[in-house]
């Protein structure tokens, strides 16, 4: 994605935008516009959209040939300083890669789309 020097604010956070155009396998052109904040450096972003140097707050994806439109819009950001995640490591079971692959195969075999 290319940073296009667009700027705006969300709460007290400065946002920048980045744009990209990609071609899908059917020859359609997909336009992606993402707004992100350097004030919120994180590796957590929506879905497959990552790699920007800050939290993605807004995302717009359009593909005109097939009428695809997707938008994610953040209205408010509030940070909590007392947020913590506790993982009880003593309850975890270590498995091999082969066992993990067998679990994934079983999960995929049970998957039945609508």
N, C-alpha and C. Protein backbone atom coordinates (compact mmCIF):
# COMPACT_ATOMS: atom_id res chain seq x y z
N UNK A 1 0.85 -1.18 0.00
CA UNK A 1 0.00 0.00 0.00
C UNK A 1 0.89 1.24 0.00
N UNK A 2 0.44 2.23 -0.66
CA UNK A 2 1.21 3.46 -0.78
C UNK A 2 0.58 4.54 0.10
N UNK A 3 1.39 5.15 0.96
CA UNK A 3 0.90 6.25 1.79
C UNK A 3 0.71 7.46 0.89
N UNK A 4 -0.51 8.02 0.92
CA UNK A 4 -0.81 9.12 0.00
C UNK A 4 -0.83 10.48 0.69
N UNK A 5 -0.30 10.54 1.90
CA UNK A 5 -0.21 11.80 2.65
C UNK A 5 -1.55 12.42 2.98
N UNK A 6 -2.63 11.65 2.91
CA UNK A 6 -3.90 12.14 3.40
C UNK A 6 -3.89 12.10 4.91
N UNK A 7 -4.50 13.07 5.56
CA UNK A 7 -4.50 13.13 7.02
C UNK A 7 -5.88 13.48 7.53
N UNK A 8 -6.24 12.92 8.70
CA UNK A 8 -7.44 13.31 9.43
C UNK A 8 -7.27 12.86 10.86
N UNK A 9 -8.25 13.15 11.72
CA UNK A 9 -8.17 12.80 13.14
C UNK A 9 -9.34 11.92 13.54
N UNK A 10 -9.09 11.03 14.50
CA UNK A 10 -10.13 10.24 15.15
C UNK A 10 -9.86 10.36 16.63
N UNK A 11 -10.79 10.94 17.36
CA UNK A 11 -10.53 11.33 18.75
C UNK A 11 -9.29 12.21 18.73
N UNK A 12 -8.29 11.86 19.51
CA UNK A 12 -7.06 12.65 19.53
C UNK A 12 -5.93 11.99 18.73
N UNK A 13 -6.28 11.01 17.92
CA UNK A 13 -5.27 10.26 17.17
C UNK A 13 -5.16 10.77 15.74
N UNK A 14 -3.93 10.97 15.30
CA UNK A 14 -3.67 11.39 13.92
C UNK A 14 -3.73 10.17 13.01
N UNK A 15 -4.47 10.29 11.92
CA UNK A 15 -4.59 9.21 10.96
C UNK A 15 -3.95 9.59 9.64
N UNK A 16 -3.40 8.59 8.96
CA UNK A 16 -2.85 8.74 7.61
C UNK A 16 -3.54 7.71 6.73
N UNK A 17 -3.56 7.94 5.44
CA UNK A 17 -4.15 6.91 4.60
C UNK A 17 -3.13 6.28 3.67
N UNK A 18 -3.47 5.08 3.26
CA UNK A 18 -2.65 4.34 2.30
C UNK A 18 -3.61 3.74 1.28
N UNK A 19 -3.20 3.70 0.02
CA UNK A 19 -4.07 3.20 -1.05
C UNK A 19 -3.33 2.14 -1.86
N UNK A 20 -4.11 1.19 -2.35
CA UNK A 20 -3.55 0.17 -3.23
C UNK A 20 -4.63 -0.27 -4.20
N UNK A 21 -4.22 -0.70 -5.38
CA UNK A 21 -5.12 -1.30 -6.36
C UNK A 21 -4.50 -2.63 -6.77
N UNK A 22 -5.30 -3.69 -6.64
CA UNK A 22 -4.81 -5.02 -7.02
C UNK A 22 -5.78 -5.63 -8.01
N UNK A 23 -5.28 -6.55 -8.81
CA UNK A 23 -6.11 -7.23 -9.79
C UNK A 23 -6.44 -8.61 -9.26
N UNK A 24 -7.74 -9.00 -9.33
CA UNK A 24 -8.10 -10.34 -8.87
C UNK A 24 -7.96 -11.34 -10.01
N UNK A 25 -8.22 -12.61 -9.72
CA UNK A 25 -8.01 -13.67 -10.71
C UNK A 25 -8.99 -13.59 -11.88
N UNK A 26 -10.07 -12.86 -11.75
CA UNK A 26 -11.06 -12.73 -12.83
C UNK A 26 -10.87 -11.44 -13.63
N UNK A 27 -9.77 -10.73 -13.38
CA UNK A 27 -9.46 -9.53 -14.13
C UNK A 27 -10.06 -8.25 -13.56
N UNK A 28 -10.77 -8.35 -12.45
CA UNK A 28 -11.32 -7.15 -11.81
C UNK A 28 -10.26 -6.42 -11.02
N UNK A 29 -10.45 -5.12 -10.89
CA UNK A 29 -9.51 -4.30 -10.12
C UNK A 29 -10.14 -3.97 -8.78
N UNK A 30 -9.43 -4.28 -7.72
CA UNK A 30 -9.91 -4.04 -6.37
C UNK A 30 -9.15 -2.84 -5.81
N UNK A 31 -9.91 -1.83 -5.38
CA UNK A 31 -9.30 -0.63 -4.80
C UNK A 31 -9.42 -0.72 -3.28
N UNK A 32 -8.31 -0.48 -2.60
CA UNK A 32 -8.26 -0.56 -1.14
C UNK A 32 -7.76 0.78 -0.61
N UNK A 33 -8.51 1.33 0.35
CA UNK A 33 -8.09 2.55 1.05
C UNK A 33 -8.12 2.24 2.54
N UNK A 34 -6.99 2.40 3.21
CA UNK A 34 -6.91 2.14 4.64
C UNK A 34 -6.43 3.40 5.35
N UNK A 35 -7.09 3.71 6.47
CA UNK A 35 -6.64 4.79 7.35
C UNK A 35 -6.03 4.13 8.57
N UNK A 36 -4.86 4.62 8.99
CA UNK A 36 -4.16 4.02 10.12
C UNK A 36 -3.52 5.11 10.97
N UNK A 37 -3.15 4.74 12.21
CA UNK A 37 -2.56 5.73 13.12
C UNK A 37 -1.20 5.26 13.62
N UNK A 38 -0.20 6.08 13.40
CA UNK A 38 1.13 5.82 13.96
C UNK A 38 1.12 5.98 15.48
N UNK A 39 0.09 6.68 16.00
CA UNK A 39 -0.03 6.87 17.45
C UNK A 39 -0.41 5.56 18.15
N UNK A 40 -0.89 4.59 17.38
CA UNK A 40 -1.31 3.30 17.93
C UNK A 40 -0.56 2.17 17.24
N UNK A 41 0.74 2.02 17.52
CA UNK A 41 1.51 0.95 16.87
C UNK A 41 1.02 -0.41 17.36
N UNK A 42 0.65 -1.26 16.44
CA UNK A 42 0.14 -2.58 16.81
C UNK A 42 0.29 -3.54 15.65
N UNK A 43 0.23 -4.81 15.94
CA UNK A 43 0.25 -5.84 14.90
C UNK A 43 -1.13 -6.41 14.68
N UNK A 44 -2.14 -5.84 15.33
CA UNK A 44 -3.50 -6.34 15.19
C UNK A 44 -4.26 -5.49 14.19
N UNK A 45 -4.67 -6.08 13.10
CA UNK A 45 -5.42 -5.37 12.08
C UNK A 45 -6.52 -6.28 11.55
N UNK A 46 -7.50 -5.72 10.85
CA UNK A 46 -8.62 -6.54 10.41
C UNK A 46 -8.26 -7.52 9.29
N UNK A 47 -8.54 -8.78 9.53
CA UNK A 47 -8.39 -9.80 8.50
C UNK A 47 -7.01 -9.89 7.90
N UNK A 48 -6.95 -9.92 6.60
CA UNK A 48 -5.69 -10.07 5.88
C UNK A 48 -4.95 -8.75 5.70
N UNK A 49 -5.53 -7.68 6.15
CA UNK A 49 -4.96 -6.35 5.91
C UNK A 49 -4.04 -5.99 7.06
N UNK A 50 -2.77 -6.09 6.80
CA UNK A 50 -1.79 -5.76 7.82
C UNK A 50 -0.53 -5.26 7.15
N UNK A 51 0.45 -4.94 7.95
CA UNK A 51 1.72 -4.48 7.39
C UNK A 51 1.89 -2.97 7.44
N UNK A 52 0.84 -2.26 7.84
CA UNK A 52 0.99 -0.82 8.00
C UNK A 52 1.58 -0.56 9.39
N UNK A 53 2.27 0.57 9.58
CA UNK A 53 2.97 0.80 10.84
C UNK A 53 2.09 1.30 11.98
N UNK A 54 0.79 1.06 11.92
CA UNK A 54 -0.11 1.48 12.99
C UNK A 54 -1.46 0.82 12.83
N UNK A 55 -2.30 0.96 13.83
CA UNK A 55 -3.61 0.35 13.84
C UNK A 55 -4.48 0.88 12.69
N UNK A 56 -5.07 -0.05 11.91
CA UNK A 56 -6.00 0.34 10.85
C UNK A 56 -7.34 0.67 11.51
N UNK A 57 -7.80 1.89 11.31
CA UNK A 57 -9.06 2.32 11.92
C UNK A 57 -10.21 2.33 10.92
N UNK A 58 -9.90 2.53 9.66
CA UNK A 58 -10.92 2.56 8.62
C UNK A 58 -10.37 1.82 7.40
N UNK A 59 -11.26 1.07 6.75
CA UNK A 59 -10.85 0.28 5.60
C UNK A 59 -12.00 0.28 4.61
N UNK A 60 -11.70 0.60 3.36
CA UNK A 60 -12.73 0.58 2.31
C UNK A 60 -12.18 -0.21 1.13
N UNK A 61 -12.97 -1.21 0.70
CA UNK A 61 -12.57 -2.07 -0.41
C UNK A 61 -13.69 -2.03 -1.45
N UNK A 62 -13.36 -1.71 -2.68
CA UNK A 62 -14.36 -1.69 -3.74
C UNK A 62 -13.84 -2.44 -4.96
N UNK A 63 -14.76 -3.14 -5.61
CA UNK A 63 -14.47 -3.83 -6.86
C UNK A 63 -15.70 -3.58 -7.73
N UNK A 64 -15.56 -2.69 -8.70
CA UNK A 64 -16.72 -2.19 -9.44
C UNK A 64 -17.33 -3.20 -10.40
N UNK A 65 -16.54 -4.06 -11.03
CA UNK A 65 -17.08 -5.00 -12.01
C UNK A 65 -18.10 -5.96 -11.41
N UNK A 66 -17.86 -6.40 -10.18
CA UNK A 66 -18.73 -7.38 -9.55
C UNK A 66 -19.57 -6.76 -8.44
N UNK A 67 -19.49 -5.46 -8.23
CA UNK A 67 -20.31 -4.77 -7.24
C UNK A 67 -19.95 -5.09 -5.80
N UNK A 68 -18.67 -5.35 -5.54
CA UNK A 68 -18.23 -5.67 -4.18
C UNK A 68 -17.88 -4.37 -3.46
N UNK A 69 -18.42 -4.22 -2.25
CA UNK A 69 -18.10 -3.06 -1.43
C UNK A 69 -18.02 -3.52 0.02
N UNK A 70 -16.93 -3.19 0.69
CA UNK A 70 -16.74 -3.54 2.09
C UNK A 70 -16.16 -2.33 2.78
N UNK A 71 -16.68 -2.02 3.97
CA UNK A 71 -16.15 -0.89 4.72
C UNK A 71 -16.09 -1.22 6.20
N UNK A 72 -15.03 -0.80 6.84
CA UNK A 72 -14.87 -0.88 8.28
C UNK A 72 -14.61 0.55 8.74
N UNK A 73 -15.43 1.04 9.65
CA UNK A 73 -15.27 2.41 10.14
C UNK A 73 -15.26 2.41 11.66
N UNK A 74 -14.17 2.89 12.23
CA UNK A 74 -14.06 3.03 13.67
C UNK A 74 -14.63 4.40 14.05
N UNK A 75 -15.53 4.40 15.01
CA UNK A 75 -16.14 5.66 15.45
C UNK A 75 -15.45 6.24 16.67
N UNK A 76 -14.91 5.38 17.53
CA UNK A 76 -14.31 5.86 18.77
C UNK A 76 -13.23 4.88 19.22
N UNK A 77 -12.17 5.41 19.78
CA UNK A 77 -11.11 4.58 20.35
C UNK A 77 -10.95 4.98 21.81
N UNK A 78 -11.00 4.00 22.69
CA UNK A 78 -10.71 4.27 24.10
C UNK A 78 -9.77 3.17 24.60
N UNK A 79 -8.66 3.59 25.14
CA UNK A 79 -7.66 2.65 25.63
C UNK A 79 -7.87 2.39 27.12
N UNK A 80 -7.66 1.16 27.52
CA UNK A 80 -7.78 0.79 28.93
C UNK A 80 -6.41 0.37 29.42
N UNK A 81 -5.92 1.03 30.43
CA UNK A 81 -4.58 0.73 30.93
C UNK A 81 -4.56 -0.52 31.78
N UNK A 82 -5.71 -0.98 32.26
CA UNK A 82 -5.71 -2.15 33.15
C UNK A 82 -6.05 -3.44 32.41
N UNK A 83 -6.02 -3.42 31.08
CA UNK A 83 -6.33 -4.60 30.29
C UNK A 83 -5.18 -5.60 30.36
N UNK A 84 -5.51 -6.83 30.68
CA UNK A 84 -4.48 -7.87 30.69
C UNK A 84 -5.10 -9.19 30.26
N UNK A 85 -4.27 -10.04 29.70
CA UNK A 85 -4.68 -11.37 29.28
C UNK A 85 -3.83 -12.37 30.04
N UNK A 86 -4.48 -13.29 30.71
CA UNK A 86 -3.75 -14.30 31.47
C UNK A 86 -3.98 -15.65 30.80
N UNK A 87 -2.91 -16.31 30.43
CA UNK A 87 -2.99 -17.64 29.81
C UNK A 87 -2.44 -18.65 30.81
N UNK A 88 -3.27 -19.58 31.24
CA UNK A 88 -2.79 -20.58 32.21
C UNK A 88 -1.94 -21.64 31.52
N UNK A 89 -0.64 -21.44 31.50
CA UNK A 89 0.26 -22.34 30.79
C UNK A 89 0.28 -23.75 31.37
N UNK A 90 -0.06 -23.89 32.65
CA UNK A 90 -0.02 -25.23 33.24
C UNK A 90 -1.14 -26.11 32.72
N UNK A 91 -2.16 -25.55 32.03
CA UNK A 91 -3.26 -26.34 31.48
C UNK A 91 -3.07 -26.66 30.00
N UNK A 92 -1.96 -26.27 29.42
CA UNK A 92 -1.74 -26.50 28.00
C UNK A 92 -1.13 -27.87 27.75
N UNK A 93 -1.48 -28.45 26.61
CA UNK A 93 -0.92 -29.74 26.23
C UNK A 93 -0.03 -29.54 25.00
N UNK A 94 1.17 -30.05 25.03
CA UNK A 94 2.09 -29.94 23.92
C UNK A 94 1.78 -31.07 22.94
N UNK A 95 1.59 -30.71 21.64
CA UNK A 95 1.33 -31.71 20.61
C UNK A 95 2.34 -31.53 19.49
N UNK A 96 2.47 -32.57 18.69
CA UNK A 96 3.40 -32.51 17.55
C UNK A 96 2.72 -31.83 16.37
N UNK A 97 3.53 -31.45 15.39
CA UNK A 97 2.99 -30.85 14.18
C UNK A 97 2.05 -31.83 13.47
N UNK A 98 2.39 -33.10 13.48
CA UNK A 98 1.54 -34.11 12.85
C UNK A 98 0.17 -34.18 13.53
N UNK A 99 0.14 -34.10 14.85
CA UNK A 99 -1.14 -34.11 15.59
C UNK A 99 -1.94 -32.85 15.27
N UNK A 100 -1.25 -31.70 15.15
CA UNK A 100 -1.93 -30.45 14.82
C UNK A 100 -2.55 -30.53 13.43
N UNK A 101 -1.81 -31.07 12.47
CA UNK A 101 -2.33 -31.21 11.11
C UNK A 101 -3.55 -32.13 11.08
N UNK A 102 -3.55 -33.19 11.90
CA UNK A 102 -4.69 -34.11 11.98
C UNK A 102 -5.92 -33.38 12.54
N UNK A 103 -5.71 -32.50 13.51
CA UNK A 103 -6.82 -31.72 14.07
C UNK A 103 -7.39 -30.80 13.00
N UNK A 104 -6.52 -30.11 12.24
CA UNK A 104 -6.99 -29.22 11.17
C UNK A 104 -7.75 -30.00 10.10
N UNK A 105 -7.25 -31.18 9.74
CA UNK A 105 -7.92 -32.00 8.72
C UNK A 105 -9.31 -32.40 9.20
N UNK A 106 -9.43 -32.76 10.46
CA UNK A 106 -10.74 -33.14 11.02
C UNK A 106 -11.68 -31.93 11.03
N UNK A 107 -11.16 -30.75 11.42
CA UNK A 107 -11.98 -29.54 11.43
C UNK A 107 -12.47 -29.21 10.02
N UNK A 108 -11.58 -29.29 9.04
CA UNK A 108 -11.96 -28.98 7.65
C UNK A 108 -12.95 -30.00 7.11
N UNK A 109 -12.82 -31.26 7.52
CA UNK A 109 -13.74 -32.30 7.08
C UNK A 109 -15.14 -32.10 7.63
N UNK A 110 -15.24 -31.46 8.79
CA UNK A 110 -16.55 -31.20 9.40
C UNK A 110 -17.17 -29.89 8.92
N UNK A 111 -16.41 -29.09 8.19
CA UNK A 111 -16.92 -27.79 7.74
C UNK A 111 -17.94 -27.97 6.63
N UNK A 112 -19.13 -27.43 6.84
CA UNK A 112 -20.20 -27.51 5.86
C UNK A 112 -20.76 -26.10 5.65
N UNK A 113 -20.40 -25.44 4.54
CA UNK A 113 -20.91 -24.09 4.30
C UNK A 113 -22.42 -24.11 4.03
N UNK A 114 -23.07 -22.99 4.31
CA UNK A 114 -24.53 -22.87 4.09
C UNK A 114 -24.89 -23.05 2.64
